[in-house]
Each structure stands twice: as structure tokens, then as C-alpha cells.
Amino acid sequence: MSLCSGKNAITPMLILFIFFITGYISILAVMLTTLNQSPWANEFESIELSCLIKSISTVSPRIEWKKIKDGKPSYVYFEKQIAGDLENRAKIREPATLVILNATRSDTAQYRCEVTAPDDQKNFDEILIDLVIRVKPVVPTCYVPKSVPVGQSAELSCMENEGFPKSQYQWFRNHEEIPEDPKSSPKFLNSSYVLNSAMGTLKFSDVRKEDDAQYYCRAKNEAGLAQCAPQRMEVYDINITSIVLGVLVVLVVLLCITVGICCAYRRGYFTTQKQTGSNYKAPGKNDGVDYVRTEDEGDFRHKSSFVI
């Protein structure tokens, strides 16, 4: 007796046949699944990459794990042994789950679980898992200018390169977090700065006396945080009167030096000493004429005529 009348009626026998065929096909096919296709762990923790065999008829299938980094595959489990980067720090949990006991940042990669079942109709299946090992930031390197005059610009910087994923940065003034938008807080409403949380920079375009404070930076990601020690940025007023007086003093000193040099020239301190009889050297006698110097004229006279 049919369940319903008409040309499209489905008999109970047909339903049983469909279930039988579906179950039979699944038994003859190796099929894999995973509990988490994108697992993560902090550095030095354990992490499990699950590879579950959903169906299989082969008694002893071949199980392999490969690590794929920068597009290059390498074995980490082959011929029932842990190999490559995971040697001595991983194990297989039956039937095919890979457990990394002491994960490091270099373990961040894709991992492929491969199962080969020779006795199955569909004798091969694989599953790809993306593993991320998060690394806590280290203490960032911070730069805070020691002193800045009122009205001038100033830049504070903060950087660390160990954290993964890449760290985001927060700046604090006197232990109070500086918001990215100064208008979002009444305490920073009149401040003129630009905070870049990705690059770790804090730039003041016009420093005010209220900006004189202790500053420190915090690097933060999903694995943890680290911060540098507070440093003070002193903001001081520019003393215009002292600057003007200093310039005037320099000008007066230069004027005195100039007048002194002029007076020395006029008094002859810088003139060349006149030649006297004691230090005079007579010219050479290459023309055959003798010269003598008179006592009172200080001049040369012709002593003898030319020799022919």
C-alpha cells in the first residue's frame, strides 16, 4: 500500500532503499571533520588541531600532517612519527588529532591533515586548519622630549616589534589615558594633538602649559600588554626680555671690538716697521757699479764710473 496516491507516490520500500544506499556510500568513503578550523593559542601554551574521521572502512589508514608556510609544505607527522619543526614537542591523539605541547611564534601556519584509506571507495580526504600563535608585546621603546617651549610642536613616539598580532598603542598623561579624539573628553578638549594608535605616535601642534606632565605608552594585543616607564615633558615659557637683552649685549661687545681695532690702526700698532741702517741689506752688485750710503742723506750715491 502506498503512502500517497498518484504517479509521485513514494513507497516505504523505496525510502528504505535510499537510506541503505546513502549509508553504504558513506561507509565506503573516508570523510574528515574538525572541531575548530581556525584555532589559536598564546606562545608557550598547548594547542590541539583536531582531525576527526567521520567515516571509514579501512582498518589501518595512513595518516599524515603537513605544515604549509609561505606556500611551502613540510612534514610534521609522517610514518607514525613526529617530524620537522614539531619534533620532541608534539604528539598524535588517536586517531588523527595533532597536539602541539609548547607552541612558539614560528608555529603560526596552515596545517593539513591527510588520511588515505586504500579499502574505501573514496580512499583519500584532507582538511586544512589555520593556526595562529599569539605573542605578547615586549616593553616598548618610548621617546618623550624633556622640554618644549610653549606654542611649539612636539612628537612622542612608541614602538615594539615582538608582539603578534601587531600591537596597538595607548598613551597616558599622569596615568590617565589620552583619547584618540581630544573632543571626546573635557580634560583634553583644548588640546591640539594627533594620536596614531597603529603607529604609536602622539604629535602636539601647539604645546600648552597644561601639557607639562608625565607620559608613558602601552603596547597591547590579544596576547597581553606591556608599557614603558613614565617620562616627564617639561613645558616652559620663552623669556622675550632675556633674549632681547642678550642680543643687545652681543651687539655692544661687537661694537667695542670694532672701535678698538680702528683705534689700534690709527695709532700705528698694525703698521710695518721702517727700515733702518742697522737692518738694511744692500742690493747685489751685478752691474759693476759701487754704491755707498751717506750719513745724512740716507740715500745711495754713485761712487765710481762704469768699467769699460
Protein backbone atom coordinates (compact mmCIF):
# COMPACT_ATOMS: atom_id res chain seq x y z
CA MET A 1 0.00 0.00 0.00
CA SER A 2 1.46 3.38 -0.98
CA LEU A 3 1.89 6.31 1.38
CA CYS A 4 0.10 8.56 -1.07
CA SER A 5 -1.71 8.08 -4.29
CA GLY A 6 -0.62 9.26 -7.72
CA LYS A 7 2.36 8.96 -10.01
CA ASN A 8 4.77 10.59 -7.48
CA ALA A 9 3.89 8.23 -4.61
CA ILE A 10 6.84 7.02 -2.51
CA THR A 11 6.62 3.53 -1.05
CA PRO A 12 8.24 2.53 2.25
CA MET A 13 10.48 0.11 0.35
CA LEU A 14 11.87 2.98 -1.75
CA ILE A 15 12.61 5.02 1.35
CA LEU A 16 14.49 2.11 2.92
CA PHE A 17 16.44 1.60 -0.28
CA ILE A 18 17.55 5.26 -0.34
CA PHE A 19 18.73 5.09 3.28
CA PHE A 20 20.61 1.88 2.57
CA ILE A 21 22.38 3.30 -0.48
CA THR A 22 23.33 6.52 1.36
CA GLY A 23 24.75 4.61 4.34
CA TYR A 24 26.59 2.20 2.07
CA ILE A 25 28.25 5.04 0.13
CA SER A 26 29.31 6.79 3.35
CA ILE A 27 30.86 3.59 4.67
CA LEU A 28 32.90 3.21 1.50
CA ALA A 29 34.20 6.83 1.71
CA VAL A 30 36.75 8.26 4.15
CA MET A 31 35.44 11.57 5.47
CA LEU A 32 37.18 14.03 7.82
CA THR A 33 35.94 16.86 10.00
CA THR A 34 37.37 19.21 12.65
CA LEU A 35 36.12 20.91 15.78
CA ASN A 36 37.94 24.16 15.02
CA GLN A 37 39.31 25.19 11.64
CA SER A 38 40.95 28.41 12.96
CA PRO A 39 42.42 27.65 16.40
CA TRP A 40 44.76 29.99 18.27
CA ALA A 41 46.92 29.91 21.38
CA ASN A 42 49.34 32.15 23.23
CA GLU A 43 53.03 31.44 22.86
CA PHE A 44 54.35 28.56 25.03
CA GLU A 45 50.85 27.15 25.55
CA SER A 46 49.49 23.83 24.25
CA ILE A 47 47.13 23.74 21.29
CA GLU A 48 45.09 20.95 19.70
CA LEU A 49 44.50 20.66 15.95
CA SER A 50 41.55 18.30 15.73
CA CYS A 51 41.25 15.94 12.79
CA LEU A 52 38.29 13.59 13.26
CA ILE A 53 37.49 10.65 11.00
CA LYS A 54 33.78 10.85 10.36
CA SER A 55 33.54 7.62 8.37
CA ILE A 56 35.99 4.95 7.16
CA SER A 57 36.07 1.22 6.46
CA THR A 58 39.85 0.76 6.18
CA VAL A 59 41.25 -0.72 9.39
CA SER A 60 44.69 0.92 9.31
CA PRO A 61 44.57 4.14 7.27
CA ARG A 62 47.68 6.19 6.56
CA ILE A 63 47.67 9.47 8.47
CA GLU A 64 49.96 12.41 7.68
CA TRP A 65 50.22 16.02 8.82
CA LYS A 66 51.88 18.76 6.79
CA LYS A 67 52.79 22.30 7.75
CA ILE A 68 52.37 24.90 5.00
CA LYS A 69 54.26 28.16 5.48
CA ASP A 70 54.93 30.73 2.76
CA GLY A 71 53.37 28.28 0.31
CA LYS A 72 55.90 25.52 1.07
CA PRO A 73 54.67 22.23 2.65
CA SER A 74 56.80 20.17 5.05
CA TYR A 75 56.02 17.03 7.06
CA VAL A 76 55.36 17.33 10.78
CA TYR A 77 53.88 13.81 11.11
CA PHE A 78 54.99 11.06 8.74
CA GLU A 79 55.12 7.28 9.05
CA LYS A 80 53.70 7.44 12.57
CA GLN A 81 56.43 9.78 13.85
CA ILE A 82 56.51 13.49 14.72
CA ALA A 83 58.97 15.22 12.40
CA GLY A 84 60.30 18.59 11.27
CA ASP A 85 59.56 21.72 13.33
CA LEU A 86 57.41 19.83 15.85
CA GLU A 87 59.85 17.05 16.73
CA ASN A 88 60.00 16.41 20.51
CA ARG A 89 57.19 18.87 21.27
CA ALA A 90 54.05 17.37 19.74
CA LYS A 91 52.04 14.13 19.76
CA ILE A 92 49.16 12.42 17.96
CA ARG A 93 45.95 11.80 19.83
CA GLU A 94 44.13 8.84 18.24
CA PRO A 95 43.04 8.60 15.66
CA ALA A 96 44.46 11.68 13.90
CA THR A 97 44.42 14.81 16.12
CA LEU A 98 47.71 16.72 16.37
CA VAL A 99 48.59 18.25 19.77
CA ILE A 100 51.39 20.85 19.96
CA LEU A 101 52.71 20.88 23.54
CA ASN A 102 54.83 24.04 23.54
CA ALA A 103 53.71 26.36 20.78
CA THR A 104 56.05 29.07 19.52
CA ARG A 105 55.54 32.01 17.18
CA SER A 106 57.11 30.04 14.34
CA ASP A 107 54.20 27.57 14.52
CA THR A 108 51.82 30.12 13.01
CA ALA A 109 50.93 28.48 9.67
CA GLN A 110 48.44 26.30 7.85
CA TYR A 111 48.32 22.61 8.77
CA ARG A 112 46.85 19.89 6.59
CA CYS A 113 45.59 16.57 7.92
CA GLU A 114 45.63 13.88 5.22
CA VAL A 115 44.09 10.40 5.56
CA THR A 116 44.50 7.68 2.95
CA ALA A 117 42.18 4.62 3.19
CA PRO A 118 43.00 2.02 0.50
CA ASP A 119 39.94 -0.16 1.26
CA ASP A 120 37.44 2.64 0.80
CA GLN A 121 35.72 3.59 -2.44
CA LYS A 122 36.73 7.22 -1.84
CA ASN A 123 40.13 6.48 -0.40
CA PHE A 124 41.51 9.97 0.38
CA ASP A 125 40.39 13.04 2.30
CA GLU A 126 42.08 16.07 3.82
CA ILE A 127 41.23 19.03 5.99
CA LEU A 128 43.04 22.38 6.27
CA ILE A 129 43.49 24.18 9.60
CA ASP A 130 44.77 27.75 10.10
CA LEU A 131 46.77 28.06 13.33
CA VAL A 132 47.72 31.40 14.89
CA ILE A 133 50.13 31.65 17.82
CA ARG A 134 49.75 34.98 19.55
CA VAL A 135 52.80 36.66 21.07
CA LYS A 136 52.65 39.11 23.98
CA PRO A 137 54.27 42.51 23.35
CA VAL A 138 57.59 43.37 24.97
CA VAL A 139 58.26 46.66 26.78
CA PRO A 140 58.07 49.31 24.05
CA THR A 141 60.79 51.87 23.33
CA CYS A 142 59.35 55.29 24.19
CA TYR A 143 60.64 58.77 23.36
CA VAL A 144 59.35 61.82 25.24
CA PRO A 145 61.09 65.21 24.73
CA LYS A 146 62.48 66.52 28.03
CA SER A 147 61.48 70.15 27.49
CA VAL A 148 59.42 72.07 24.92
CA PRO A 149 58.64 75.82 24.77
CA VAL A 150 55.03 76.95 24.88
CA GLY A 151 53.48 77.22 21.44
CA GLN A 152 55.95 74.89 19.74
CA SER A 153 55.29 71.43 18.27
CA ALA A 154 56.36 68.16 19.91
CA GLU A 155 56.27 64.49 18.96
CA LEU A 156 56.23 61.47 21.29
CA SER A 157 56.88 58.00 19.85
CA CYS A 158 56.36 54.40 21.00
CA MET A 159 57.36 51.16 19.24
CA GLU A 160 57.83 47.42 19.81
CA ASN A 161 58.30 44.70 17.20
CA GLU A 162 57.78 41.39 19.06
CA GLY A 163 54.03 41.23 19.56
CA PHE A 164 51.76 39.23 17.25
CA PRO A 165 49.25 40.21 16.07
CA LYS A 166 50.74 43.69 15.65
CA SER A 167 50.37 45.81 18.75
CA GLN A 168 48.07 48.79 19.14
CA TYR A 169 49.33 51.70 21.25
CA GLN A 170 47.82 53.80 24.02
CA TRP A 171 49.32 56.97 25.52
CA PHE A 172 48.76 58.11 29.12
CA ARG A 173 49.22 61.52 30.74
CA ASN A 174 49.64 61.42 34.51
CA HIS A 175 48.19 57.86 34.47
CA GLU A 176 45.07 58.92 32.56
CA GLU A 177 44.54 57.52 29.06
CA ILE A 178 44.71 60.08 26.27
CA PRO A 179 41.74 59.59 23.91
CA GLU A 180 42.29 59.48 20.15
CA ASP A 181 39.77 62.30 19.78
CA PRO A 182 40.53 65.17 22.20
CA LYS A 183 36.94 66.40 21.88
CA SER A 184 35.66 63.20 23.48
CA SER A 185 37.00 64.19 26.92
CA PRO A 186 36.54 67.52 28.76
CA LYS A 187 40.10 67.27 30.15
CA PHE A 188 41.61 67.21 26.65
CA LEU A 189 39.08 69.42 24.89
CA ASN A 190 41.52 72.31 24.35
CA SER A 191 44.49 70.12 23.46
CA SER A 192 45.86 70.19 19.93
CA TYR A 193 47.30 66.74 19.24
CA VAL A 194 47.01 63.78 16.85
CA LEU A 195 47.23 60.28 18.31
CA ASN A 196 48.00 57.39 15.95
CA SER A 197 47.25 54.15 17.81
CA ALA A 198 48.63 51.97 15.00
CA MET A 199 52.00 53.77 14.69
CA GLY A 200 52.35 54.73 18.36
CA THR A 201 52.90 58.47 17.78
CA LEU A 202 51.49 61.40 19.74
CA LYS A 203 52.01 64.74 17.97
CA PHE A 204 51.32 68.13 19.55
CA SER A 205 50.98 71.01 17.09
CA ASP A 206 50.81 73.72 19.78
CA VAL A 207 52.09 72.77 23.22
CA ARG A 208 50.36 74.38 26.22
CA LYS A 209 51.42 74.72 29.84
CA GLU A 210 48.75 72.13 30.71
CA ASP A 211 50.70 69.59 28.64
CA ASP A 212 53.54 69.62 31.17
CA ALA A 213 53.13 66.13 32.66
CA GLN A 214 54.35 62.55 32.97
CA TYR A 215 53.79 60.48 29.83
CA TYR A 216 54.04 56.75 29.14
CA CYS A 217 52.92 54.36 26.40
CA ARG A 218 51.28 50.94 26.48
CA ALA A 219 51.55 48.31 23.70
CA LYS A 220 48.61 45.90 23.60
CA ASN A 221 47.32 42.95 21.57
CA GLU A 222 45.15 39.86 22.14
CA ALA A 223 48.00 38.05 23.93
CA GLY A 224 48.72 40.74 26.54
CA LEU A 225 50.24 44.16 27.13
CA ALA A 226 53.46 45.93 28.17
CA GLN A 227 54.30 49.54 28.92
CA CYS A 228 57.34 51.79 29.28
CA ALA A 229 58.26 53.84 32.36
CA PRO A 230 56.74 57.34 32.75
CA GLN A 231 58.81 60.27 31.45
CA ARG A 232 58.20 63.94 32.06
CA MET A 233 57.79 66.51 29.30
CA GLU A 234 58.50 69.98 30.72
CA VAL A 235 56.76 72.90 29.04
CA TYR A 236 58.37 76.31 29.63
CA ASP A 237 57.66 79.93 28.67
CA ILE A 238 60.01 81.76 26.31
CA ASN A 239 61.51 84.87 28.10
CA ILE A 240 61.46 87.52 25.37
CA THR A 241 63.07 90.17 27.61
CA SER A 242 66.08 87.97 28.32
CA ILE A 243 66.50 87.20 24.62
CA VAL A 244 66.42 90.92 23.68
CA LEU A 245 68.90 91.80 26.42
CA GLY A 246 71.20 89.01 25.30
CA VAL A 247 71.17 90.28 21.71
CA LEU A 248 71.91 93.84 22.85
CA VAL A 249 74.87 92.66 24.95
CA VAL A 250 76.31 90.80 21.96
CA LEU A 251 75.92 93.89 19.75
CA VAL A 252 77.64 96.13 22.34
CA VAL A 253 80.55 93.70 22.64
CA LEU A 254 80.96 93.56 18.84
CA LEU A 255 80.84 97.39 18.65
CA CYS A 256 83.55 97.72 21.30
CA ILE A 257 85.79 95.26 19.48
CA THR A 258 85.32 97.15 16.20
CA VAL A 259 86.16 100.54 17.81
CA GLY A 260 89.24 99.05 19.48
CA ILE A 261 90.58 97.70 16.21
CA CYS A 262 90.06 101.08 14.46
CA CYS A 263 91.92 102.95 17.23
CA ALA A 264 94.79 100.48 17.06
CA TYR A 265 95.16 101.07 13.33
CA ARG A 266 95.19 104.83 13.77
CA ARG A 267 97.92 104.65 16.40
CA GLY A 268 100.07 102.52 14.18
CA TYR A 269 100.02 99.26 16.12
CA PHE A 270 99.38 97.33 12.95
CA THR A 271 101.85 99.28 10.57
CA THR A 272 105.10 97.76 9.25
CA GLN A 273 108.33 98.88 10.96
CA LYS A 274 110.52 101.32 8.78
CA GLN A 275 113.81 100.04 7.53
CA THR A 276 116.90 101.47 9.32
CA GLY A 277 120.61 101.38 8.65
CA SER A 278 121.15 98.54 11.08
CA ASN A 279 118.79 96.15 9.35
CA TYR A 280 119.17 97.24 5.76
CA LYS A 281 120.68 94.86 3.27
CA ALA A 282 122.35 96.43 0.21
CA PRO A 283 121.33 95.16 -3.20
CA GLY A 284 123.60 92.82 -5.09
CA LYS A 285 126.36 94.33 -7.26
CA ASN A 286 125.71 92.66 -10.54
CA ASP A 287 126.13 95.76 -12.75
CA GLY A 288 129.79 96.59 -11.95
CA VAL A 289 128.92 99.81 -10.07
CA ASP A 290 129.76 100.53 -6.44
CA TYR A 291 127.22 102.21 -4.20
CA VAL A 292 127.79 103.91 -0.84
CA ARG A 293 125.33 105.21 1.73
CA THR A 294 125.87 108.74 3.09
CA GLU A 295 125.45 109.53 6.76
CA ASP A 296 122.96 112.35 6.43
CA GLU A 297 121.01 111.62 3.30
CA GLY A 298 120.15 108.00 3.87
CA ASP A 299 120.46 107.53 0.16
CA PHE A 300 122.75 105.81 -2.36
CA ARG A 301 125.22 107.72 -4.48
CA HIS A 302 127.31 106.78 -7.44
CA LYS A 303 130.89 106.11 -6.30
CA SER A 304 132.72 105.15 -9.46
CA SER A 305 132.06 105.19 -13.14
CA PHE A 306 131.34 102.19 -15.24
CA VAL A 307 134.31 100.00 -16.10
CA ILE A 308 134.67 99.55 -19.83
